[in-house]
């Protein structure tokens, strides 16, 4: 297996570059390699300008296909006084179905995107770089059913100054991940 590449970024094996990852992301990759040795060979990281961490800016600046970008959004809801959190990994050209699918999966009356400060504090990652890899183990990780079919996805690394690349089907095998059909809806064309 070889490291996937896209665009004009300098992709390197992520496991060998902890300085380009959130501490929890690197620790999760190391732990994941125990059950999934391919992580060493097919999960890459590239340094980016933190000002380009948002999908639209990154895609435009580095000749990346929008269809390879996967966003990780954090959603929370409360039931019986207990906050339930899920990370939703959805293609960048879709929108996570918070009000129906995620709300039902969390089994809460109302689900909403986590506030900026809560997302950063709870994930111990930088806003704009949050990734499903390395989140608290009691948070659910939901992966849209389209993601496994994407040969190489680009997703956050836990910090704004880099991005990860890996096969979509590998993200679907992240420990604790749940693949959910129709987790996201297509965004209307404007």
C-alpha atoms as a PDB file:
ATOM      1  CA  UNK A   1       0.000   0.000   0.000  1.00  0.00           C
ATOM      2  CA  UNK A   2       1.198   3.477  -0.765  1.00  0.00           C
ATOM      3  CA  UNK A   3       0.432   6.854   0.681  1.00  0.00           C
ATOM      4  CA  UNK A   4      -2.361   8.581  -1.251  1.00  0.00           C
ATOM      5  CA  UNK A   5      -1.679  12.041  -2.655  1.00  0.00           C
ATOM      6  CA  UNK A   6      -3.896  14.811  -3.984  1.00  0.00           C
ATOM      7  CA  UNK A   7      -3.271  18.369  -5.133  1.00  0.00           C
ATOM      8  CA  UNK A   8       0.072  20.044  -4.685  1.00  0.00           C
ATOM      9  CA  UNK A   9       0.540  19.414  -0.948  1.00  0.00           C
ATOM     10  CA  UNK A  10       3.612  17.632   0.421  1.00  0.00           C
ATOM     11  CA  UNK A  11       2.041  14.473   1.935  1.00  0.00           C
ATOM     12  CA  UNK A  12       4.129  12.536   4.465  1.00  0.00           C
ATOM     13  CA  UNK A  13       3.381   9.513   6.687  1.00  0.00           C
ATOM     14  CA  UNK A  14       1.315  10.978   9.539  1.00  0.00           C
ATOM     15  CA  UNK A  15       2.605   8.556  12.144  1.00  0.00           C
ATOM     16  CA  UNK A  16       6.127   9.957  11.628  1.00  0.00           C
ATOM     17  CA  UNK A  17       5.085  13.607  12.037  1.00  0.00           C
ATOM     18  CA  UNK A  18       3.491  14.155  15.447  1.00  0.00           C
ATOM     19  CA  UNK A  19       4.423  17.843  15.213  1.00  0.00           C
ATOM     20  CA  UNK A  20       1.756  18.175  12.486  1.00  0.00           C
ATOM     21  CA  UNK A  21      -1.008  16.553  14.550  1.00  0.00           C
ATOM     22  CA  UNK A  22      -2.999  17.202  17.692  1.00  0.00           C
ATOM     23  CA  UNK A  23      -1.563  15.129  20.542  1.00  0.00           C
ATOM     24  CA  UNK A  24      -4.753  13.057  20.750  1.00  0.00           C
ATOM     25  CA  UNK A  25      -4.782  12.477  16.981  1.00  0.00           C
ATOM     26  CA  UNK A  26      -1.245  11.122  16.994  1.00  0.00           C
ATOM     27  CA  UNK A  27      -1.983   8.916  20.022  1.00  0.00           C
ATOM     28  CA  UNK A  28      -5.104   7.547  18.287  1.00  0.00           C
ATOM     29  CA  UNK A  29      -3.124   6.755  15.118  1.00  0.00           C
ATOM     30  CA  UNK A  30      -0.478   4.904  17.134  1.00  0.00           C
ATOM     31  CA  UNK A  31      -3.163   2.890  18.957  1.00  0.00           C
ATOM     32  CA  UNK A  32      -5.055   2.229  15.703  1.00  0.00           C
ATOM     33  CA  UNK A  33      -1.928   0.724  14.098  1.00  0.00           C
ATOM     34  CA  UNK A  34      -2.148  -2.189  16.534  1.00  0.00           C
ATOM     35  CA  UNK A  35      -5.329  -3.453  14.852  1.00  0.00           C
ATOM     36  CA  UNK A  36      -4.882  -1.757  11.484  1.00  0.00           C
ATOM     37  CA  UNK A  37      -1.197  -1.874  10.416  1.00  0.00           C
ATOM     38  CA  UNK A  38      -2.045  -0.121   7.112  1.00  0.00           C
ATOM     39  CA  UNK A  39      -2.371   3.127   9.082  1.00  0.00           C
ATOM     40  CA  UNK A  40       1.423   3.527   8.877  1.00  0.00           C
ATOM     41  CA  UNK A  41       1.411   3.362   5.076  1.00  0.00           C
ATOM     42  CA  UNK A  42      -1.826   5.046   3.996  1.00  0.00           C
ATOM     43  CA  UNK A  43      -2.504   7.866   6.456  1.00  0.00           C
ATOM     44  CA  UNK A  44      -0.649  10.984   5.414  1.00  0.00           C
ATOM     45  CA  UNK A  45      -0.345  14.524   6.693  1.00  0.00           C
ATOM     46  CA  UNK A  46       0.589  17.766   4.974  1.00  0.00           C
ATOM     47  CA  UNK A  47       1.396  21.126   6.491  1.00  0.00           C
ATOM     48  CA  UNK A  48      -0.881  23.958   5.346  1.00  0.00           C
ATOM     49  CA  UNK A  49      -1.286  27.653   6.004  1.00  0.00           C
ATOM     50  CA  UNK A  50      -3.719  27.775   8.979  1.00  0.00           C
ATOM     51  CA  UNK A  51      -5.556  30.604   7.209  1.00  0.00           C
ATOM     52  CA  UNK A  52      -6.502  28.032   4.542  1.00  0.00           C
ATOM     53  CA  UNK A  53      -7.912  25.399   6.946  1.00  0.00           C
ATOM     54  CA  UNK A  54     -11.500  25.964   5.808  1.00  0.00           C
ATOM     55  CA  UNK A  55     -12.507  23.669   2.953  1.00  0.00           C
ATOM     56  CA  UNK A  56     -13.249  26.236   0.242  1.00  0.00           C
ATOM     57  CA  UNK A  57      -9.977  28.091   0.771  1.00  0.00           C
ATOM     58  CA  UNK A  58      -7.896  24.904   0.920  1.00  0.00           C
ATOM     59  CA  UNK A  59      -9.439  23.376  -2.207  1.00  0.00           C
ATOM     60  CA  UNK A  60      -8.895  26.563  -4.198  1.00  0.00           C
ATOM     61  CA  UNK A  61      -5.322  27.129  -3.020  1.00  0.00           C
ATOM     62  CA  UNK A  62      -4.007  23.589  -3.496  1.00  0.00           C
ATOM     63  CA  UNK A  63      -5.882  22.199  -6.527  1.00  0.00           C
ATOM     64  CA  UNK A  64      -7.773  19.676  -4.416  1.00  0.00           C
ATOM     65  CA  UNK A  65     -11.034  18.078  -5.531  1.00  0.00           C
ATOM     66  CA  UNK A  66     -13.972  19.184  -3.388  1.00  0.00           C
ATOM     67  CA  UNK A  67     -15.275  15.616  -3.615  1.00  0.00           C
ATOM     68  CA  UNK A  68     -12.306  14.385  -1.577  1.00  0.00           C
ATOM     69  CA  UNK A  69     -12.882  16.766   1.317  1.00  0.00           C
ATOM     70  CA  UNK A  70     -14.663  15.415   4.374  1.00  0.00           C
ATOM     71  CA  UNK A  71     -15.775  17.724   7.161  1.00  0.00           C
ATOM     72  CA  UNK A  72     -16.062  16.669  10.786  1.00  0.00           C
ATOM     73  CA  UNK A  73     -18.810  18.456  12.683  1.00  0.00           C
ATOM     74  CA  UNK A  74     -19.594  18.009  16.360  1.00  0.00           C
ATOM     75  CA  UNK A  75     -23.227  17.703  17.408  1.00  0.00           C
ATOM     76  CA  UNK A  76     -24.662  17.501  20.921  1.00  0.00           C
ATOM     77  CA  UNK A  77     -27.988  16.970  22.616  1.00  0.00           C
ATOM     78  CA  UNK A  78     -29.142  16.303  26.153  1.00  0.00           C
ATOM     79  CA  UNK A  79     -31.324  13.533  27.521  1.00  0.00           C
ATOM     80  CA  UNK A  80     -32.099  13.055  31.212  1.00  0.00           C
ATOM     81  CA  UNK A  81     -29.466  15.642  32.095  1.00  0.00           C
ATOM     82  CA  UNK A  82     -26.718  13.815  30.192  1.00  0.00           C
ATOM     83  CA  UNK A  83     -25.082  15.449  27.180  1.00  0.00           C
ATOM     84  CA  UNK A  84     -24.602  13.109  24.238  1.00  0.00           C
ATOM     85  CA  UNK A  85     -22.043  14.032  21.591  1.00  0.00           C
ATOM     86  CA  UNK A  86     -21.399  12.750  18.096  1.00  0.00           C
ATOM     87  CA  UNK A  87     -18.803  13.624  15.493  1.00  0.00           C
ATOM     88  CA  UNK A  88     -20.247  13.452  11.992  1.00  0.00           C
ATOM     89  CA  UNK A  89     -17.803  12.909   9.119  1.00  0.00           C
ATOM     90  CA  UNK A  90     -19.603  14.042   5.979  1.00  0.00           C
ATOM     91  CA  UNK A  91     -18.501  14.921   2.437  1.00  0.00           C
ATOM     92  CA  UNK A  92     -17.828  18.659   2.140  1.00  0.00           C
ATOM     93  CA  UNK A  93     -20.476  19.049  -0.558  1.00  0.00           C
ATOM     94  CA  UNK A  94     -23.186  17.781   1.829  1.00  0.00           C
ATOM     95  CA  UNK A  95     -24.743  18.930   5.071  1.00  0.00           C
ATOM     96  CA  UNK A  96     -25.003  16.746   8.191  1.00  0.00           C
ATOM     97  CA  UNK A  97     -28.667  15.929   8.903  1.00  0.00           C
ATOM     98  CA  UNK A  98     -28.642  17.167  12.490  1.00  0.00           C
ATOM     99  CA  UNK A  99     -32.392  17.641  12.929  1.00  0.00           C
ATOM    100  CA  UNK A 100     -33.428  14.163  11.842  1.00  0.00           C
ATOM    101  CA  UNK A 101     -30.775  11.476  11.505  1.00  0.00           C
ATOM    102  CA  UNK A 102     -28.265  12.593  14.145  1.00  0.00           C
ATOM    103  CA  UNK A 103     -30.979  13.607  16.602  1.00  0.00           C
ATOM    104  CA  UNK A 104     -32.515  10.127  16.274  1.00  0.00           C
ATOM    105  CA  UNK A 105     -29.144   8.378  16.637  1.00  0.00           C
ATOM    106  CA  UNK A 106     -28.312  10.382  19.773  1.00  0.00           C
ATOM    107  CA  UNK A 107     -31.844   9.719  21.085  1.00  0.00           C
ATOM    108  CA  UNK A 108     -32.360  13.332  22.140  1.00  0.00           C
ATOM    109  CA  UNK A 109     -35.243  15.770  21.694  1.00  0.00           C
ATOM    110  CA  UNK A 110     -33.026  18.467  20.163  1.00  0.00           C
ATOM    111  CA  UNK A 111     -29.572  18.202  18.635  1.00  0.00           C
ATOM    112  CA  UNK A 112     -27.423  21.106  17.527  1.00  0.00           C
ATOM    113  CA  UNK A 113     -23.878  21.909  16.481  1.00  0.00           C
ATOM    114  CA  UNK A 114     -21.590  22.296  19.483  1.00  0.00           C
ATOM    115  CA  UNK A 115     -20.602  25.855  20.277  1.00  0.00           C
ATOM    116  CA  UNK A 116     -17.095  26.806  19.220  1.00  0.00           C
ATOM    117  CA  UNK A 117     -15.708  26.947  22.770  1.00  0.00           C
ATOM    118  CA  UNK A 118     -17.301  23.617  23.783  1.00  0.00           C
ATOM    119  CA  UNK A 119     -16.047  21.901  20.633  1.00  0.00           C
ATOM    120  CA  UNK A 120     -12.468  23.048  21.228  1.00  0.00           C
ATOM    121  CA  UNK A 121     -12.458  22.267  24.957  1.00  0.00           C
ATOM    122  CA  UNK A 122     -14.154  18.889  24.612  1.00  0.00           C
ATOM    123  CA  UNK A 123     -12.135  17.669  21.647  1.00  0.00           C
ATOM    124  CA  UNK A 124      -8.803  19.214  22.741  1.00  0.00           C
ATOM    125  CA  UNK A 125      -8.393  20.128  19.067  1.00  0.00           C
ATOM    126  CA  UNK A 126      -8.301  23.425  17.204  1.00  0.00           C
ATOM    127  CA  UNK A 127     -11.486  24.737  15.646  1.00  0.00           C
ATOM    128  CA  UNK A 128     -11.239  24.253  11.889  1.00  0.00           C
ATOM    129  CA  UNK A 129      -9.020  21.204  12.331  1.00  0.00           C
ATOM    130  CA  UNK A 130     -11.254  18.860  14.330  1.00  0.00           C
ATOM    131  CA  UNK A 131     -11.041  15.263  13.163  1.00  0.00           C
ATOM    132  CA  UNK A 132     -12.790  12.053  14.209  1.00  0.00           C
ATOM    133  CA  UNK A 133      -9.361  10.530  14.879  1.00  0.00           C
ATOM    134  CA  UNK A 134      -8.508  11.136  18.524  1.00  0.00           C
ATOM    135  CA  UNK A 135     -11.815  12.364  19.916  1.00  0.00           C
ATOM    136  CA  UNK A 136     -12.955  11.294  23.410  1.00  0.00           C
ATOM    137  CA  UNK A 137     -13.911   7.610  23.338  1.00  0.00           C
ATOM    138  CA  UNK A 138     -17.353   8.266  24.797  1.00  0.00           C
ATOM    139  CA  UNK A 139     -18.289  10.411  21.783  1.00  0.00           C
ATOM    140  CA  UNK A 140     -19.915   8.605  18.883  1.00  0.00           C
ATOM    141  CA  UNK A 141     -18.199   8.808  15.497  1.00  0.00           C
ATOM    142  CA  UNK A 142     -20.691   8.747  12.632  1.00  0.00           C
ATOM    143  CA  UNK A 143     -19.398   8.390   9.074  1.00  0.00           C
ATOM    144  CA  UNK A 144     -21.675   9.178   6.146  1.00  0.00           C
ATOM    145  CA  UNK A 145     -22.244   6.137   3.925  1.00  0.00           C
ATOM    146  CA  UNK A 146     -20.650   7.918   0.924  1.00  0.00           C
ATOM    147  CA  UNK A 147     -17.276   8.349   2.622  1.00  0.00           C
ATOM    148  CA  UNK A 148     -16.021   4.716   2.330  1.00  0.00           C
ATOM    149  CA  UNK A 149     -16.315   4.925  -1.466  1.00  0.00           C
ATOM    150  CA  UNK A 150     -13.964   7.924  -1.713  1.00  0.00           C
ATOM    151  CA  UNK A 151     -10.480   6.593  -2.596  1.00  0.00           C
ATOM    152  CA  UNK A 152      -8.600   9.357  -0.749  1.00  0.00           C
ATOM    153  CA  UNK A 153     -10.240  11.770   1.677  1.00  0.00           C
ATOM    154  CA  UNK A 154      -8.842  14.955   3.141  1.00  0.00           C
ATOM    155  CA  UNK A 155      -9.879  15.653   6.729  1.00  0.00           C
ATOM    156  CA  UNK A 156      -8.681  17.656   9.707  1.00  0.00           C
ATOM    157  CA  UNK A 157      -5.648  16.637  11.750  1.00  0.00           C
ATOM    158  CA  UNK A 158      -6.659  18.183  15.055  1.00  0.00           C
ATOM    159  CA  UNK A 159      -4.812  21.422  14.282  1.00  0.00           C
ATOM    160  CA  UNK A 160      -5.415  24.145  11.687  1.00  0.00           C
ATOM    161  CA  UNK A 161      -1.855  23.954  10.324  1.00  0.00           C
ATOM    162  CA  UNK A 162      -2.219  20.574   8.596  1.00  0.00           C
ATOM    163  CA  UNK A 163      -4.606  18.099   6.969  1.00  0.00           C
ATOM    164  CA  UNK A 164      -4.783  14.316   6.900  1.00  0.00           C
ATOM    165  CA  UNK A 165      -5.269  12.155   3.832  1.00  0.00           C
ATOM    166  CA  UNK A 166      -6.436   8.536   3.960  1.00  0.00           C
ATOM    167  CA  UNK A 167      -8.714   6.109   2.132  1.00  0.00           C
ATOM    168  CA  UNK A 168     -12.371   6.697   2.973  1.00  0.00           C
ATOM    169  CA  UNK A 169     -12.867   3.001   3.625  1.00  0.00           C
ATOM    170  CA  UNK A 170     -10.149   3.152   6.285  1.00  0.00           C
ATOM    171  CA  UNK A 171     -11.896   5.995   8.119  1.00  0.00           C
ATOM    172  CA  UNK A 172     -15.019   3.814   8.148  1.00  0.00           C
ATOM    173  CA  UNK A 173     -12.969   1.224  10.077  1.00  0.00           C
ATOM    174  CA  UNK A 174     -11.779   3.704  12.711  1.00  0.00           C
ATOM    175  CA  UNK A 175     -12.342   2.051  16.104  1.00  0.00           C
ATOM    176  CA  UNK A 176     -15.836   2.966  17.274  1.00  0.00           C
ATOM    177  CA  UNK A 177     -16.911   4.457  13.928  1.00  0.00           C
ATOM    178  CA  UNK A 178     -20.432   3.800  12.697  1.00  0.00           C
ATOM    179  CA  UNK A 179     -21.189   4.074   8.985  1.00  0.00           C
ATOM    180  CA  UNK A 180     -24.624   5.662   8.577  1.00  0.00           C
ATOM    181  CA  UNK A 181     -26.410   5.820   5.224  1.00  0.00           C
ATOM    182  CA  UNK A 182     -27.885   9.263   4.518  1.00  0.00           C
ATOM    183  CA  UNK A 183     -26.148  10.859   7.494  1.00  0.00           C
ATOM    184  CA  UNK A 184     -25.895  13.970   5.324  1.00  0.00           C
ATOM    185  CA  UNK A 185     -28.056  15.557   2.678  1.00  0.00           C
ATOM    186  CA  UNK A 186     -26.906  17.120  -0.565  1.00  0.00           C
ATOM    187  CA  UNK A 187     -26.619  20.876  -0.458  1.00  0.00           C
ATOM    188  CA  UNK A 188     -28.835  22.742  -2.894  1.00  0.00           C
ATOM    189  CA  UNK A 189     -27.078  24.135  -5.932  1.00  0.00           C
ATOM    190  CA  UNK A 190     -27.188  27.922  -5.904  1.00  0.00           C
END
